[in-house]
Amino acid sequence: MMRDMDEFWVFGYGSLMWNPGFDYEVRSQARAFGFRRSLCVRSWVHRGTEQKPGLVLGLDRGGSCHGVAFRISPEHWLSTVDYLRERELVTKVYVERFVPIRLSGGSTVRALTYVVDRSHRQYAGAITVTEAADVVRDAIGRSGPNHVYVENTVAHLREMGIRDHWLEEVASRVAAVSSGVTAP
């Protein structure tokens, strides 16, 4: 799969941005086209359970997505793919893909990423901010509370100068309800 490549890049759009879990040589802001960041995956493992699913991000069709690209050194290619498959493909809701991304310097490379499988039963599709906030507020999985995942993602996007208004509104509503303030 990777033997013919000169470089190996991974594109992260959610928790991989702030918690990659693998060694890398270069970290760069990047943008994938034809996909958008979406809180569209019912999490049965990391941020919820099958009985009380959480919501995590997936790359869904349409638009573009700002995220982070990581260049992996050749000696870590196989271990990185093994790690990512164990992390991302636990319930097979994602499809492993190489997609073109534009790095912050302007060059285009192909990067490994994980796109949501819209036919999978964990695909949540388009949901409202209120529905998402209700799920995120109370779900807890193996990797911790769902609201921490959303808050960390929003915080890291802001640090990078990336605004995701829909995700920010979900985080705001979760925080407002948790603190007893009525959300607008």
C-alpha atoms as a PDB file:
ATOM      1  CA  MET A   1       0.000   0.000   0.000  1.00  0.00           C
ATOM      2  CA  MET A   2       2.700   2.536   0.869  1.00  0.00           C
ATOM      3  CA  ARG A   3       5.834   1.166  -0.785  1.00  0.00           C
ATOM      4  CA  ASP A   4       5.480   3.343  -3.893  1.00  0.00           C
ATOM      5  CA  MET A   5       5.099   6.550  -1.948  1.00  0.00           C
ATOM      6  CA  ASP A   6       7.869   9.066  -1.375  1.00  0.00           C
ATOM      7  CA  GLU A   7       6.009  10.649   1.525  1.00  0.00           C
ATOM      8  CA  PHE A   8       3.273   9.474   3.828  1.00  0.00           C
ATOM      9  CA  TRP A   9       0.804  12.004   5.225  1.00  0.00           C
ATOM     10  CA  VAL A  10      -2.128  11.611   7.609  1.00  0.00           C
ATOM     11  CA  PHE A  11      -4.989  14.134   7.678  1.00  0.00           C
ATOM     12  CA  GLY A  12      -6.754  14.770  10.978  1.00  0.00           C
ATOM     13  CA  TYR A  13      -9.947  16.782  11.380  1.00  0.00           C
ATOM     14  CA  GLY A  14     -11.064  15.856  14.924  1.00  0.00           C
ATOM     15  CA  SER A  15      -9.185  14.431  17.885  1.00  0.00           C
ATOM     16  CA  LEU A  16      -6.229  13.455  15.689  1.00  0.00           C
ATOM     17  CA  MET A  17      -5.473  17.194  15.451  1.00  0.00           C
ATOM     18  CA  TRP A  18      -4.817  17.498  19.186  1.00  0.00           C
ATOM     19  CA  ASN A  19      -4.142  13.890  20.143  1.00  0.00           C
ATOM     20  CA  PRO A  20      -2.517  12.107  17.190  1.00  0.00           C
ATOM     21  CA  GLY A  21      -1.016   9.259  19.215  1.00  0.00           C
ATOM     22  CA  PHE A  22       1.754   8.570  16.683  1.00  0.00           C
ATOM     23  CA  ASP A  23       5.198   9.953  15.856  1.00  0.00           C
ATOM     24  CA  TYR A  24       5.462  12.455  13.017  1.00  0.00           C
ATOM     25  CA  GLU A  25       8.147  14.595  11.353  1.00  0.00           C
ATOM     26  CA  VAL A  26       6.051  17.562  10.237  1.00  0.00           C
ATOM     27  CA  ARG A  27       2.732  19.017  11.392  1.00  0.00           C
ATOM     28  CA  SER A  28       0.976  21.462   9.061  1.00  0.00           C
ATOM     29  CA  GLN A  29      -2.432  22.997   8.758  1.00  0.00           C
ATOM     30  CA  ALA A  30      -4.153  21.578   5.713  1.00  0.00           C
ATOM     31  CA  ARG A  31      -7.431  21.544   3.855  1.00  0.00           C
ATOM     32  CA  ALA A  32      -9.308  18.655   2.276  1.00  0.00           C
ATOM     33  CA  PHE A  33     -11.768  19.458  -0.511  1.00  0.00           C
ATOM     34  CA  GLY A  34     -14.982  17.578  -1.227  1.00  0.00           C
ATOM     35  CA  PHE A  35     -15.432  16.716   2.456  1.00  0.00           C
ATOM     36  CA  ARG A  36     -16.622  18.603   5.519  1.00  0.00           C
ATOM     37  CA  ARG A  37     -16.169  18.063   9.241  1.00  0.00           C
ATOM     38  CA  SER A  38     -19.452  16.793  10.689  1.00  0.00           C
ATOM     39  CA  LEU A  39     -20.577  15.552  14.095  1.00  0.00           C
ATOM     40  CA  CYS A  40     -22.280  12.665  12.306  1.00  0.00           C
ATOM     41  CA  VAL A  41     -20.996   9.444  13.880  1.00  0.00           C
ATOM     42  CA  ARG A  42     -22.714   7.723  16.792  1.00  0.00           C
ATOM     43  CA  SER A  43     -19.838   6.687  19.049  1.00  0.00           C
ATOM     44  CA  TRP A  44     -20.295   3.286  20.655  1.00  0.00           C
ATOM     45  CA  VAL A  45     -16.756   2.949  22.002  1.00  0.00           C
ATOM     46  CA  HIS A  46     -14.614   6.053  22.512  1.00  0.00           C
ATOM     47  CA  ARG A  47     -17.257   8.661  23.490  1.00  0.00           C
ATOM     48  CA  GLY A  48     -20.349   6.601  24.223  1.00  0.00           C
ATOM     49  CA  THR A  49     -21.716   3.074  24.348  1.00  0.00           C
ATOM     50  CA  GLU A  50     -24.068   1.132  22.113  1.00  0.00           C
ATOM     51  CA  GLN A  51     -26.790   1.632  24.747  1.00  0.00           C
ATOM     52  CA  LYS A  52     -26.055   5.379  25.109  1.00  0.00           C
ATOM     53  CA  PRO A  53     -24.129   6.538  22.033  1.00  0.00           C
ATOM     54  CA  GLY A  54     -22.126   9.738  21.912  1.00  0.00           C
ATOM     55  CA  LEU A  55     -21.352  11.761  18.793  1.00  0.00           C
ATOM     56  CA  VAL A  56     -17.952  12.132  17.163  1.00  0.00           C
ATOM     57  CA  LEU A  57     -16.707  13.751  14.009  1.00  0.00           C
ATOM     58  CA  GLY A  58     -16.536  12.225  10.585  1.00  0.00           C
ATOM     59  CA  LEU A  59     -15.545  13.540   7.196  1.00  0.00           C
ATOM     60  CA  ASP A  60     -18.805  13.692   5.283  1.00  0.00           C
ATOM     61  CA  ARG A  61     -19.487  14.595   1.648  1.00  0.00           C
ATOM     62  CA  GLY A  62     -19.450  18.174   0.500  1.00  0.00           C
ATOM     63  CA  GLY A  63     -17.582  21.401   1.107  1.00  0.00           C
ATOM     64  CA  SER A  64     -14.068  21.500   2.484  1.00  0.00           C
ATOM     65  CA  CYS A  65     -12.416  20.838   5.806  1.00  0.00           C
ATOM     66  CA  HIS A  66      -9.562  22.618   7.542  1.00  0.00           C
ATOM     67  CA  GLY A  67      -7.509  20.270   9.683  1.00  0.00           C
ATOM     68  CA  VAL A  68      -3.985  19.109  10.360  1.00  0.00           C
ATOM     69  CA  ALA A  69      -1.642  17.052   8.183  1.00  0.00           C
ATOM     70  CA  PHE A  70       1.148  14.984   9.681  1.00  0.00           C
ATOM     71  CA  ARG A  71       4.105  13.753   7.628  1.00  0.00           C
ATOM     72  CA  ILE A  72       5.257  10.389   8.924  1.00  0.00           C
ATOM     73  CA  SER A  73       8.866   9.221   8.603  1.00  0.00           C
ATOM     74  CA  PRO A  74       9.312   5.979   6.609  1.00  0.00           C
ATOM     75  CA  GLU A  75      10.335   3.933   9.648  1.00  0.00           C
ATOM     76  CA  HIS A  76       6.957   4.733  11.257  1.00  0.00           C
ATOM     77  CA  TRP A  77       4.667   4.199   8.251  1.00  0.00           C
ATOM     78  CA  LEU A  78       3.485   0.696   9.097  1.00  0.00           C
ATOM     79  CA  SER A  79       3.184   1.241  12.849  1.00  0.00           C
ATOM     80  CA  THR A  80       1.194   4.438  12.222  1.00  0.00           C
ATOM     81  CA  VAL A  81      -1.254   2.678   9.899  1.00  0.00           C
ATOM     82  CA  ASP A  82      -1.627  -0.188  12.395  1.00  0.00           C
ATOM     83  CA  TYR A  83      -2.293   2.286  15.197  1.00  0.00           C
ATOM     84  CA  LEU A  84      -4.808   4.306  13.160  1.00  0.00           C
ATOM     85  CA  ARG A  85      -6.691   1.201  12.047  1.00  0.00           C
ATOM     86  CA  GLU A  86      -6.981   0.042  15.644  1.00  0.00           C
ATOM     87  CA  ARG A  87      -8.170   3.499  16.734  1.00  0.00           C
ATOM     88  CA  GLU A  88     -10.435   4.481  13.848  1.00  0.00           C
ATOM     89  CA  LEU A  89     -11.805   1.224  12.456  1.00  0.00           C
ATOM     90  CA  VAL A  90     -12.968  -0.367  15.697  1.00  0.00           C
ATOM     91  CA  THR A  91     -16.614  -0.534  14.502  1.00  0.00           C
ATOM     92  CA  LYS A  92     -15.948   0.004  10.760  1.00  0.00           C
ATOM     93  CA  VAL A  93     -17.990   3.246  10.611  1.00  0.00           C
ATOM     94  CA  TYR A  94     -15.102   4.903   8.750  1.00  0.00           C
ATOM     95  CA  VAL A  95     -13.625   4.084   5.366  1.00  0.00           C
ATOM     96  CA  GLU A  96      -9.858   4.456   5.037  1.00  0.00           C
ATOM     97  CA  ARG A  97      -9.026   6.721   2.091  1.00  0.00           C
ATOM     98  CA  PHE A  98      -6.150   8.609   0.537  1.00  0.00           C
ATOM     99  CA  VAL A  99      -7.401  12.073  -0.406  1.00  0.00           C
ATOM    100  CA  PRO A 100      -5.673  15.127  -1.875  1.00  0.00           C
ATOM    101  CA  ILE A 101      -5.085  17.869   0.678  1.00  0.00           C
ATOM    102  CA  ARG A 102      -3.571  21.327   0.354  1.00  0.00           C
ATOM    103  CA  LEU A 103      -0.900  22.096   2.933  1.00  0.00           C
ATOM    104  CA  SER A 104      -0.625  25.574   4.472  1.00  0.00           C
ATOM    105  CA  GLY A 105       2.378  26.307   2.216  1.00  0.00           C
ATOM    106  CA  GLY A 106       0.242  25.725  -0.888  1.00  0.00           C
ATOM    107  CA  SER A 107       1.489  22.312  -2.035  1.00  0.00           C
ATOM    108  CA  THR A 108      -0.912  19.441  -2.580  1.00  0.00           C
ATOM    109  CA  VAL A 109      -0.222  15.942  -1.245  1.00  0.00           C
ATOM    110  CA  ARG A 110      -2.219  12.759  -0.779  1.00  0.00           C
ATOM    111  CA  ALA A 111      -3.032  11.881   2.813  1.00  0.00           C
ATOM    112  CA  LEU A 112      -4.548   8.957   4.628  1.00  0.00           C
ATOM    113  CA  THR A 113      -7.785   9.904   6.379  1.00  0.00           C
ATOM    114  CA  TYR A 114     -11.014   8.371   7.587  1.00  0.00           C
ATOM    115  CA  VAL A 115     -14.297   9.191   5.832  1.00  0.00           C
ATOM    116  CA  VAL A 116     -17.670   8.284   7.329  1.00  0.00           C
ATOM    117  CA  ASP A 117     -19.511   5.355   5.751  1.00  0.00           C
ATOM    118  CA  ARG A 118     -22.991   6.796   5.199  1.00  0.00           C
ATOM    119  CA  SER A 119     -24.483   3.305   4.916  1.00  0.00           C
ATOM    120  CA  HIS A 120     -23.228   2.256   8.378  1.00  0.00           C
ATOM    121  CA  ARG A 121     -25.830   2.129  11.144  1.00  0.00           C
ATOM    122  CA  GLN A 122     -23.703   4.459  13.283  1.00  0.00           C
ATOM    123  CA  TYR A 123     -24.055   7.254  10.731  1.00  0.00           C
ATOM    124  CA  ALA A 124     -26.188   9.934  12.394  1.00  0.00           C
ATOM    125  CA  GLY A 125     -26.622  12.105   9.309  1.00  0.00           C
ATOM    126  CA  ALA A 126     -27.767  15.679   9.674  1.00  0.00           C
ATOM    127  CA  ILE A 127     -28.983  16.461  13.171  1.00  0.00           C
ATOM    128  CA  THR A 128     -29.850  19.746  14.816  1.00  0.00           C
ATOM    129  CA  VAL A 129     -27.612  21.616  17.231  1.00  0.00           C
ATOM    130  CA  THR A 130     -30.083  20.898  20.041  1.00  0.00           C
ATOM    131  CA  GLU A 131     -30.197  17.152  19.277  1.00  0.00           C
ATOM    132  CA  ALA A 132     -26.399  17.004  19.130  1.00  0.00           C
ATOM    133  CA  ALA A 133     -25.991  18.930  22.394  1.00  0.00           C
ATOM    134  CA  ASP A 134     -28.456  16.619  24.167  1.00  0.00           C
ATOM    135  CA  VAL A 135     -26.433  13.570  23.096  1.00  0.00           C
ATOM    136  CA  VAL A 136     -22.985  15.084  23.717  1.00  0.00           C
ATOM    137  CA  ARG A 137     -23.825  16.373  27.198  1.00  0.00           C
ATOM    138  CA  ASP A 138     -24.466  12.954  28.774  1.00  0.00           C
ATOM    139  CA  ALA A 139     -22.498  10.381  26.750  1.00  0.00           C
ATOM    140  CA  ILE A 140     -19.348   8.761  28.145  1.00  0.00           C
ATOM    141  CA  GLY A 141     -17.138   6.151  26.485  1.00  0.00           C
ATOM    142  CA  ARG A 142     -13.793   4.420  26.858  1.00  0.00           C
ATOM    143  CA  SER A 143     -11.918   7.642  25.998  1.00  0.00           C
ATOM    144  CA  GLY A 144     -13.967   9.810  28.366  1.00  0.00           C
ATOM    145  CA  PRO A 145     -16.944  12.171  28.323  1.00  0.00           C
ATOM    146  CA  ASN A 146     -18.303  13.184  24.938  1.00  0.00           C
ATOM    147  CA  HIS A 147     -18.500  16.866  25.888  1.00  0.00           C
ATOM    148  CA  VAL A 148     -14.727  16.920  26.587  1.00  0.00           C
ATOM    149  CA  TYR A 149     -14.080  15.660  23.048  1.00  0.00           C
ATOM    150  CA  VAL A 150     -16.241  18.426  21.554  1.00  0.00           C
ATOM    151  CA  GLU A 151     -14.763  21.122  23.825  1.00  0.00           C
ATOM    152  CA  ASN A 152     -11.176  20.053  23.028  1.00  0.00           C
ATOM    153  CA  THR A 153     -11.884  19.999  19.312  1.00  0.00           C
ATOM    154  CA  VAL A 154     -13.464  23.476  19.376  1.00  0.00           C
ATOM    155  CA  ALA A 155     -10.585  24.859  21.490  1.00  0.00           C
ATOM    156  CA  HIS A 156      -7.939  23.453  19.153  1.00  0.00           C
ATOM    157  CA  LEU A 157      -9.754  24.683  16.061  1.00  0.00           C
ATOM    158  CA  ARG A 158      -9.865  28.179  17.569  1.00  0.00           C
ATOM    159  CA  GLU A 159      -6.129  28.003  18.435  1.00  0.00           C
ATOM    160  CA  MET A 160      -5.507  27.249  14.775  1.00  0.00           C
ATOM    161  CA  GLY A 161      -7.711  30.143  13.667  1.00  0.00           C
ATOM    162  CA  ILE A 162     -10.400  27.800  12.305  1.00  0.00           C
ATOM    163  CA  ARG A 163     -14.054  28.538  13.036  1.00  0.00           C
ATOM    164  CA  ASP A 164     -16.645  25.770  12.992  1.00  0.00           C
ATOM    165  CA  HIS A 165     -19.775  27.684  13.971  1.00  0.00           C
ATOM    166  CA  TRP A 166     -22.056  24.635  14.148  1.00  0.00           C
ATOM    167  CA  LEU A 167     -19.682  22.705  16.421  1.00  0.00           C
ATOM    168  CA  GLU A 168     -19.101  25.831  18.524  1.00  0.00           C
ATOM    169  CA  GLU A 169     -22.866  26.178  18.991  1.00  0.00           C
ATOM    170  CA  VAL A 170     -23.122  22.547  20.125  1.00  0.00           C
ATOM    171  CA  ALA A 171     -20.351  23.143  22.687  1.00  0.00           C
ATOM    172  CA  SER A 172     -22.023  26.371  23.821  1.00  0.00           C
ATOM    173  CA  ARG A 173     -25.388  24.669  24.349  1.00  0.00           C
ATOM    174  CA  VAL A 174     -23.796  21.792  26.267  1.00  0.00           C
ATOM    175  CA  ALA A 175     -22.002  24.266  28.530  1.00  0.00           C
ATOM    176  CA  ALA A 176     -25.127  26.387  29.015  1.00  0.00           C
ATOM    177  CA  VAL A 177     -27.340  23.444  29.997  1.00  0.00           C
ATOM    178  CA  SER A 178     -24.621  21.967  32.228  1.00  0.00           C
ATOM    179  CA  SER A 179     -24.305  25.291  34.083  1.00  0.00           C
ATOM    180  CA  GLY A 180     -28.068  25.726  34.376  1.00  0.00           C
ATOM    181  CA  VAL A 181     -28.232  28.670  31.945  1.00  0.00           C
ATOM    182  CA  THR A 182     -30.943  28.551  29.321  1.00  0.00           C
ATOM    183  CA  ALA A 183     -29.397  28.488  25.854  1.00  0.00           C
ATOM    184  CA  PRO A 184     -30.837  30.891  23.249  1.00  0.00           C
END
